[in-house]
Protein backbone atom coordinates (compact mmCIF):
# COMPACT_ATOMS: atom_id res chain seq x y z
CA UNK A 1 9.67 12.67 17.16
CA UNK A 2 12.53 14.10 14.14
CA UNK A 3 11.64 17.67 13.19
CA UNK A 4 13.11 18.17 9.50
CA UNK A 5 11.29 21.22 8.39
CA UNK A 6 14.15 22.58 7.72
CA UNK A 7 15.55 20.40 5.40
CA UNK A 8 14.23 19.24 1.81
CA UNK A 9 11.89 16.28 2.07
CA UNK A 10 9.46 16.05 -0.67
CA UNK A 11 5.91 13.71 0.40
CA UNK A 12 5.50 11.17 -2.18
CA UNK A 13 1.81 10.42 -1.09
CA UNK A 14 0.57 9.19 2.18
CA UNK A 15 3.14 6.32 2.65
CA UNK A 16 6.97 7.67 1.60
CA UNK A 17 9.18 10.40 2.27
CA UNK A 18 11.90 11.62 -0.39
CA UNK A 19 15.14 13.32 0.79
CA UNK A 20 16.30 14.76 -1.74
CA UNK A 21 19.65 16.02 -2.75
CA UNK A 22 23.69 15.12 -4.70
CA UNK A 23 24.73 11.30 -3.81
CA UNK A 24 28.16 13.48 -1.65
CA UNK A 25 25.36 14.60 1.08
CA UNK A 26 23.83 11.67 2.35
CA UNK A 27 25.53 8.94 4.75
CA UNK A 28 24.64 5.32 5.86
CA UNK A 29 24.17 2.29 7.32
CA UNK A 30 23.33 -0.87 6.36
CA UNK A 31 23.03 -4.46 8.10
CA UNK A 32 23.89 -6.19 4.61
CA UNK A 33 22.13 -5.12 1.58
CA UNK A 34 19.66 -3.57 4.13
CA UNK A 35 19.57 0.56 4.37
CA UNK A 36 19.24 0.66 8.59
CA UNK A 37 19.42 4.21 8.22
CA UNK A 38 20.73 7.24 6.31
CA UNK A 39 22.02 11.09 7.86
CA UNK A 40 22.11 14.29 6.44
CA UNK A 41 23.95 17.01 7.75
CA UNK A 42 23.52 17.09 11.08
CA UNK A 43 20.31 14.80 10.47
CA UNK A 44 20.05 10.76 10.63
CA UNK A 45 17.28 8.82 9.81
CA UNK A 46 16.88 5.15 11.65
CA UNK A 47 14.54 2.41 10.58
CA UNK A 48 11.94 2.41 13.54
CA UNK A 49 11.48 6.55 13.69
CA UNK A 50 8.73 8.39 13.06
CA UNK A 51 10.11 11.47 10.96
CA UNK A 52 7.33 14.60 10.77
CA UNK A 53 6.76 16.66 7.06
CA UNK A 54 6.50 19.92 7.79
CA UNK A 55 6.52 19.31 11.69
CA UNK A 56 4.01 17.54 11.48
CA UNK A 57 2.47 15.29 9.74
CA UNK A 58 4.33 11.78 11.53
CA UNK A 59 5.79 8.90 9.09
CA UNK A 60 6.95 5.90 10.68
CA UNK A 61 10.09 4.99 8.57
CA UNK A 62 9.92 1.13 8.63
CA UNK A 63 12.68 1.02 4.89
CA UNK A 64 14.36 3.12 3.55
CA UNK A 65 15.13 2.82 -0.56
CA UNK A 66 18.03 4.73 -2.52
CA UNK A 67 16.34 6.65 -5.62
CA UNK A 68 17.59 8.67 -7.97
CA UNK A 69 18.35 12.21 -6.62
CA UNK A 70 18.21 11.13 -3.41
CA UNK A 71 16.47 8.40 -0.89
CA UNK A 72 12.90 7.45 0.03
CA UNK A 73 11.77 6.95 3.30
CA UNK A 74 8.63 3.70 3.50
CA UNK A 75 5.94 3.58 6.16
CA UNK A 76 4.74 0.15 4.03
CA UNK A 77 4.86 -1.25 0.67
CA UNK A 78 1.43 -1.07 -0.92
CA UNK A 79 -0.65 -4.08 0.39
CA UNK A 80 -2.10 -7.19 -2.10
CA UNK A 81 -5.15 -6.31 -1.32
CA UNK A 82 -4.99 -2.87 -2.03
CA UNK A 83 -4.71 -4.06 -5.59
CA UNK A 84 -6.60 -6.08 -5.28
CA UNK A 85 -9.71 -6.40 -3.04
CA UNK A 86 -10.12 -2.68 -2.52
CA UNK A 87 -11.44 -2.04 -5.96
CA UNK A 88 -14.98 -4.27 -4.93
CA UNK A 89 -15.71 -0.69 -3.34
CA UNK A 90 -15.80 0.28 -7.48
CA UNK A 91 -14.26 3.20 -8.45
CA UNK A 92 -10.97 4.65 -9.60
CA UNK A 93 -8.07 5.76 -7.25
CA UNK A 94 -8.84 8.88 -8.06
CA UNK A 95 -12.27 9.05 -6.23
CA UNK A 96 -10.54 7.40 -3.60
CA UNK A 97 -7.34 9.70 -2.99
CA UNK A 98 -5.16 6.89 -4.01
CA UNK A 99 -2.40 8.00 -5.12
CA UNK A 100 -2.14 11.56 -2.15
CA UNK A 101 -4.56 10.23 1.70
CA UNK A 102 -5.17 6.81 1.36
CA UNK A 103 -1.97 4.66 3.48
CA UNK A 104 -3.12 1.18 3.18
CA UNK A 105 -5.84 -1.32 3.14
CA UNK A 106 -6.05 -4.32 4.89
CA UNK A 107 -8.19 -7.92 5.07
CA UNK A 108 -7.66 -7.39 9.17
CA UNK A 109 -8.09 -5.20 11.02
CA UNK A 110 -7.59 -5.81 14.76
CA UNK A 111 -9.61 -9.76 15.05
CA UNK A 112 -11.89 -8.91 12.09
CA UNK A 113 -10.80 -11.08 9.20
CA UNK A 114 -13.23 -11.07 7.18
CA UNK A 115 -13.41 -7.28 6.22
CA UNK A 116 -11.60 -5.11 4.41
CA UNK A 117 -10.09 -2.04 6.29
CA UNK A 118 -8.87 1.15 4.56
CA UNK A 119 -6.75 3.87 6.23
CA UNK A 120 -5.76 7.48 5.45
CA UNK A 121 -4.50 10.25 6.39
CA UNK A 122 -7.07 12.68 8.03
CA UNK A 123 -7.62 16.01 6.48
CA UNK A 124 -9.83 18.83 7.11
CA UNK A 125 -11.10 19.66 3.75
CA UNK A 126 -14.55 19.64 2.77
CA UNK A 127 -12.96 17.43 -0.23
CA UNK A 128 -11.55 14.73 2.20
CA UNK A 129 -15.27 15.64 4.84
CA UNK A 130 -17.66 15.01 1.88
CA UNK A 131 -15.99 11.46 0.91
CA UNK A 132 -16.28 9.73 5.00
CA UNK A 133 -19.11 11.01 4.62
CA UNK A 134 -19.71 9.08 0.98
CA UNK A 135 -17.64 6.33 1.93
CA UNK A 136 -19.90 5.26 5.11
CA UNK A 137 -22.53 5.34 2.49
CA UNK A 138 -21.32 2.07 1.45
CA UNK A 139 -24.08 -1.09 2.11
CA UNK A 140 -20.66 -2.81 3.39
CA UNK A 141 -19.55 0.22 5.12
CA UNK A 142 -19.02 -1.70 9.32
CA UNK A 143 -17.50 1.21 11.41
CA UNK A 144 -14.86 4.48 10.99
CA UNK A 145 -12.10 3.61 13.89
CA UNK A 146 -9.68 6.70 14.69
CA UNK A 147 -6.71 4.18 15.35
CA UNK A 148 -4.78 7.85 15.90
CA UNK A 149 -5.95 11.95 15.43
CA UNK A 150 -3.70 11.94 12.07
CA UNK A 151 -5.11 8.44 10.46
CA UNK A 152 -8.60 7.10 10.47
CA UNK A 153 -9.34 2.69 9.53
CA UNK A 154 -12.71 2.03 7.08
CA UNK A 155 -14.29 -0.76 7.79
CA UNK A 156 -16.19 -2.43 4.97
CA UNK A 157 -17.74 -5.91 4.86
CA UNK A 158 -16.99 -8.23 1.95
CA UNK A 159 -18.62 -8.05 -0.66
CA UNK A 160 -21.78 -10.70 -0.97
CA UNK A 161 -20.82 -10.83 -4.49
CA UNK A 162 -16.96 -11.43 -3.68
CA UNK A 163 -16.79 -13.27 -0.45
CA UNK A 164 -15.27 -16.29 -3.11
CA UNK A 165 -13.34 -13.61 -4.69
CA UNK A 166 -12.30 -12.52 -1.09
CA UNK A 167 -11.38 -16.54 -0.04
CA UNK A 168 -9.57 -17.06 -3.49
CA UNK A 169 -7.26 -13.85 -2.57
CA UNK A 170 -6.18 -15.49 0.08
CA UNK A 171 -5.36 -18.44 -1.43
CA UNK A 172 -3.20 -16.59 -4.37
CA UNK A 173 -5.50 -17.35 -6.63
CA UNK A 174 -5.64 -14.22 -8.57
CA UNK A 175 -6.69 -16.05 -12.03
CA UNK A 176 -9.71 -17.23 -10.84
CA UNK A 177 -11.05 -14.25 -9.73
CA UNK A 178 -14.57 -13.27 -11.39
CA UNK A 179 -14.61 -11.53 -14.28
CA UNK A 180 -16.35 -8.55 -13.05
CA UNK A 181 -13.99 -8.46 -9.73
CA UNK A 182 -11.31 -8.48 -12.77
CA UNK A 183 -12.84 -5.54 -14.69
CA UNK A 184 -12.97 -3.46 -11.58
CA UNK A 185 -9.00 -4.46 -10.57
CA UNK A 186 -8.60 -2.92 -14.14
CA UNK A 187 -11.00 0.44 -14.23
CA UNK A 188 -9.41 1.10 -10.63
CA UNK A 189 -6.28 0.64 -11.48
CA UNK A 190 -6.68 2.39 -14.76
CA UNK A 191 -4.65 -0.24 -16.39
CA UNK A 192 -5.58 -3.19 -19.00
CA UNK A 193 -4.45 -7.29 -19.97
CA UNK A 194 -1.33 -5.96 -21.47
CA UNK A 195 -0.96 -4.70 -18.02
CA UNK A 196 1.39 -6.38 -15.68
CA UNK A 197 -1.94 -6.55 -13.60
CA UNK A 198 -3.66 -8.02 -16.73
CA UNK A 199 -0.56 -10.51 -17.13
CA UNK A 200 -1.33 -12.18 -13.20
CA UNK A 201 -4.99 -12.10 -13.47
CA UNK A 202 -5.01 -13.72 -16.99
CA UNK A 203 -1.17 -15.66 -16.61
CA UNK A 204 0.75 -14.28 -19.27
CA UNK A 205 3.51 -16.37 -20.61
CA UNK A 206 5.18 -13.70 -21.24
CA UNK A 207 5.64 -13.17 -17.01
CA UNK A 208 5.56 -16.82 -16.19
CA UNK A 209 8.15 -16.95 -18.80
CA UNK A 210 10.11 -13.70 -17.31
CA UNK A 211 9.88 -15.27 -13.61
CA UNK A 212 11.67 -18.69 -14.64
CA UNK A 213 14.07 -17.04 -15.56
CA UNK A 214 14.94 -15.22 -12.67
CA UNK A 215 14.30 -17.76 -10.61
CA UNK A 216 16.14 -20.48 -12.07
CA UNK A 217 13.49 -23.28 -12.19
CA UNK A 218 10.49 -23.94 -14.39
CA UNK A 219 7.02 -23.45 -12.82
CA UNK A 220 3.96 -25.81 -13.27
CA UNK A 221 1.63 -24.98 -16.52
CA UNK A 222 -1.50 -24.27 -13.63
CA UNK A 223 1.39 -22.01 -11.34
CA UNK A 224 0.09 -18.24 -10.19
CA UNK A 225 2.56 -15.87 -11.16
CA UNK A 226 2.50 -13.81 -7.83
CA UNK A 227 3.13 -15.18 -4.48
CA UNK A 228 0.11 -15.75 -2.13
CA UNK A 229 -0.63 -12.76 0.63
CA UNK A 230 1.50 -12.64 3.51
CA UNK A 231 -1.13 -12.11 6.06
CA UNK A 232 0.95 -10.41 8.55
CA UNK A 233 1.32 -7.55 6.14
CA UNK A 234 -2.42 -7.71 5.17
CA UNK A 235 -3.77 -7.35 8.60
CA UNK A 236 -3.68 -3.57 9.85
CA UNK A 237 -0.74 -3.28 12.70
CA UNK A 238 -0.82 -0.27 14.69
CA UNK A 239 3.28 -0.53 15.35
CA UNK A 240 3.52 -0.23 11.55
CA UNK A 241 1.72 2.81 10.97
CA UNK A 242 2.00 4.84 13.74
């Protein structure tokens, strides 16, 4: 692992680090349009490496992205399950540490494909320990796994009232999700029907037009406005995150 303690880094939640600095301070290597490594001073970070933020917190780098002010080192983008399925448990992003300790959500965990898995960075704080106990009290709670000393994975059964929604999600039928789950999604993410999520869930003509323009083709009238979930991405893989 690479100790990056002495460099200018910013943690952007549990899933992403930012290497901040002037453009001239960096050099990169490319494979087509994909950034495969970024260098600054004597440090080079490559895709597939694990960097240790503040000398201890591991971040597996699976994607490097140029942004204003530097580069983002990304473990993984948020899954579709974290957007559409996690709200089955009700609540809000703040209640679930969505932008701090939460890493990602999955619909498959170690051979179990009818579940919801929530991966977190472990914290010994009293607040997180109380949160852990609260999750274990959910009726749909199934088990807790410790894939490494730095992570904890909470696994839930799909609540009975949302099992049809789970099937629709797998098929990419976002607009056909139940009114109750749609309302949970809006509340969880703090958005409304005018948001990009609302445009997906209610098949906005505006979004459809934008997609047609970007794709250079017409979409069928009944087309969903977001691609179908990739089951590989939506399934927890230790090699990706640990």
